[in-house]
Protein backbone atom coordinates (compact mmCIF):
# COMPACT_ATOMS: atom_id res chain seq x y z
CA ASP A 1 -13.11 14.09 -5.43
CA GLY A 2 -14.18 11.73 -8.03
CA LEU A 3 -13.59 8.43 -6.50
CA ASP A 4 -16.03 5.89 -5.13
CA VAL A 5 -13.92 3.38 -2.90
CA HIS A 6 -15.33 0.32 -1.99
CA SER A 7 -13.28 -1.63 0.87
CA THR A 8 -11.98 -4.86 0.47
CA THR A 9 -14.56 -6.55 2.88
CA GLU A 10 -17.52 -4.69 1.43
CA PHE A 11 -16.34 -6.00 -2.23
CA GLU A 12 -15.59 -9.55 -1.12
CA ASP A 13 -19.00 -10.02 0.60
CA MET A 14 -20.60 -8.50 -2.46
CA LEU A 15 -18.60 -11.31 -4.69
CA TYR A 16 -18.43 -13.98 -2.07
CA PRO A 17 -16.40 -16.64 -2.61
CA TRP A 18 -14.65 -15.34 -5.77
CA PHE A 19 -12.63 -12.58 -4.29
CA GLU A 20 -11.86 -14.26 -1.34
CA PRO A 21 -7.94 -14.21 -0.63
CA SER A 22 -7.43 -18.15 -0.98
CA MET A 23 -9.95 -17.76 -4.86
CA ALA A 24 -8.68 -14.25 -5.68
CA PRO A 25 -6.81 -13.79 -8.94
CA LEU A 26 -3.51 -12.89 -8.98
CA SER A 27 -2.61 -11.71 -12.44
CA THR A 28 -4.71 -10.31 -15.37
CA ASP A 29 -5.20 -13.59 -16.83
CA GLU A 30 -6.61 -15.35 -13.63
CA LEU A 31 -8.91 -12.24 -13.53
CA ALA A 32 -10.21 -12.96 -17.11
CA GLU A 33 -10.89 -16.64 -16.17
CA LEU A 34 -12.48 -16.08 -13.29
CA LEU A 35 -14.57 -13.41 -14.87
CA ASP A 36 -15.74 -16.04 -17.49
CA LYS A 37 -17.28 -18.45 -15.11
CA PRO A 38 -21.12 -17.92 -14.83
CA GLY A 39 -22.80 -15.16 -13.13
CA VAL A 40 -19.24 -13.56 -11.77
CA LEU A 41 -19.00 -10.94 -14.23
CA GLU A 42 -22.96 -9.60 -14.05
CA ARG A 43 -22.14 -9.81 -10.23
CA VAL A 44 -19.05 -7.82 -10.98
CA ASP A 45 -20.65 -5.48 -13.31
CA SER A 46 -23.77 -4.61 -10.31
CA THR A 47 -21.13 -3.01 -7.89
CA GLY A 48 -20.60 -0.48 -10.25
CA VAL A 49 -16.46 -1.07 -9.91
CA ARG A 50 -14.76 -0.23 -12.72
CA PHE A 51 -11.08 -0.60 -11.69
CA LEU A 52 -9.39 -3.00 -9.12
CA VAL A 53 -6.44 -1.78 -7.10
CA TRP A 54 -4.32 -4.98 -6.04
CA LEU A 55 -2.09 -3.45 -3.27
CA ASP A 56 1.14 -5.21 -2.35
CA GLY A 57 4.59 -4.29 -0.45
CA SER A 58 6.55 -4.57 2.87
CA THR A 59 8.68 -2.46 5.16
CA ASP A 60 11.92 -3.95 5.81
CA ARG A 61 14.84 -2.98 8.16
CA THR A 62 17.88 -2.15 5.68
CA ALA A 63 20.26 -1.49 8.05
CA SER A 64 21.35 -0.94 11.92
CA GLY A 65 24.02 0.06 14.37
CA GLY A 66 25.45 1.85 17.07
CA GLY A 67 24.65 0.76 20.65
CA ILE A 68 23.20 2.27 23.70
CA THR A 69 24.84 1.11 27.00
CA CYS A 70 22.68 1.37 30.40
CA ALA A 71 23.49 0.96 34.11
CA ALA A 72 22.31 1.13 37.67
CA GLY A 73 23.87 1.88 40.92
CA VAL A 74 22.97 3.04 44.41
CA GLY A 75 23.78 7.10 43.20
CA GLY A 76 21.12 6.25 40.38
CA ALA A 77 20.51 5.04 36.58
CA GLY A 78 21.59 6.03 33.03
CA CYS A 79 22.00 5.11 29.69
CA MET A 80 24.89 6.18 27.64
CA GLY A 81 24.81 6.02 23.50
CA LEU A 82 23.63 6.25 20.14
CA ALA A 83 21.59 3.66 18.22
CA TRP A 84 19.93 4.11 14.63
CA TRP A 85 18.49 2.04 11.97
CA GLU A 86 17.06 2.25 8.69
CA ASP A 87 13.41 1.02 7.19
CA ASP A 88 12.68 0.68 3.78
CA ALA A 89 9.32 0.49 3.06
CA ARG A 90 8.37 -0.08 -0.56
CA TYR A 91 4.38 -0.90 -1.71
CA ASP A 92 3.27 -1.19 -5.39
CA ALA A 93 -0.50 -1.16 -6.35
CA THR A 94 -1.30 -2.72 -9.68
CA VAL A 95 -4.70 -1.42 -11.26
CA TRP A 96 -7.16 -3.77 -13.07
CA ASP A 97 -9.61 -2.01 -15.66
CA LEU A 98 -12.63 -4.49 -15.02
CA GLU A 99 -14.08 -2.94 -18.26
CA GLU A 100 -10.97 -3.67 -20.23
CA LEU A 101 -10.01 -6.85 -18.54
CA ASN A 102 -6.36 -5.77 -18.83
CA SER A 103 -3.58 -4.14 -16.17
CA ALA A 104 -4.22 -0.59 -16.58
CA GLY A 105 -0.88 -0.08 -14.71
CA THR A 106 1.28 -0.39 -11.83
CA ILE A 107 2.48 2.58 -9.22
CA TYR A 108 4.92 2.34 -6.67
CA ALA A 109 6.20 4.29 -4.03
CA ASP A 110 9.19 3.44 -2.22
CA PHE A 111 10.71 5.54 1.15
CA ILE A 112 13.77 4.90 3.40
CA GLY A 113 13.38 6.34 6.73
CA ARG A 114 16.11 6.88 9.55
CA SER A 115 15.62 6.49 13.28
CA VAL A 116 17.90 7.23 15.80
CA MET A 117 17.71 7.23 19.61
CA PRO A 118 20.27 8.74 21.57
CA ALA A 119 21.25 8.34 24.75
CA ILE A 120 22.48 10.22 27.10
CA ILE A 121 20.81 9.59 30.94
CA ILE A 122 17.91 8.48 29.20
CA PRO A 123 17.32 7.04 25.78
CA ILE A 124 15.23 9.48 23.33
CA PRO A 125 13.75 7.60 20.18
CA LEU A 126 13.57 9.62 17.08
CA ILE A 127 11.74 7.44 14.97
CA ALA A 128 10.76 7.79 11.02
CA ARG A 129 7.60 6.40 9.40
CA PRO A 130 8.43 5.31 6.15
CA GLN A 131 5.72 3.45 5.81
CA ALA A 132 3.02 6.14 6.02
CA LYS A 133 5.21 8.11 3.77
CA ALA A 134 4.97 5.45 1.33
CA CYS A 135 0.98 4.71 1.64
CA ARG A 136 0.47 8.62 1.50
CA GLY A 137 2.47 8.77 -1.42
CA LEU A 138 1.07 5.90 -3.09
CA THR A 139 -2.73 7.09 -2.55
CA GLU A 140 -1.74 10.47 -4.02
CA GLN A 141 -0.47 8.51 -7.10
CA LEU A 142 -3.39 6.47 -7.54
CA HIS A 143 -5.65 9.24 -6.98
CA GLU A 144 -4.18 11.28 -9.99
CA PHE A 145 -3.79 8.12 -11.93
CA LEU A 146 -7.39 7.47 -11.53
CA THR A 147 -8.79 11.09 -11.90
CA SER A 148 -7.02 13.08 -14.13
CA PRO A 149 -8.31 13.91 -16.97
CA PHE A 150 -5.07 12.88 -18.90
CA GLY A 151 -4.76 9.54 -17.22
CA TYR A 152 -5.80 6.02 -17.77
CA GLY A 153 -9.58 6.82 -16.18
CA ALA A 154 -10.29 9.43 -19.00
CA GLY A 155 -12.31 8.92 -21.67
CA PRO A 156 -12.31 11.10 -25.12
CA GLU A 157 -15.15 12.91 -23.51
CA ASP A 158 -13.29 13.96 -20.13
CA LEU A 159 -10.72 15.71 -22.62
CA SER A 160 -12.87 18.41 -23.60
């Protein structure tokens, strides 16, 4: 749908060693300094990459409660109770424009999911997946941001 996406490994290999994790720029100022080094800008231009997307975030357990007790005996075994936990998945994508050498913007996705495990004889986990929802939300926003005729990636010729 209008995007040619390079994998991190492919991009790092094409620009070895400048975008290896230990040397990769962490800000637009560091990116500009890196692109000023001899040969780096030419190698970046040869990849055809216009936007560099820096992803960051985590999924953290924010709350939990309840309890489940299990017991076993001669007549059988079973569990009783209710446990729950809440996870917060927050991810952001900073988009750097390699032609303009600036930050094109930052997109955030934040989802909270509550998982529950009721137990009447056997525990039945009902797991929420906030990380997957955050990643899907971030992907949709990035796609819109980079391909929309009114988004950052659009030039005047794209608006007709």
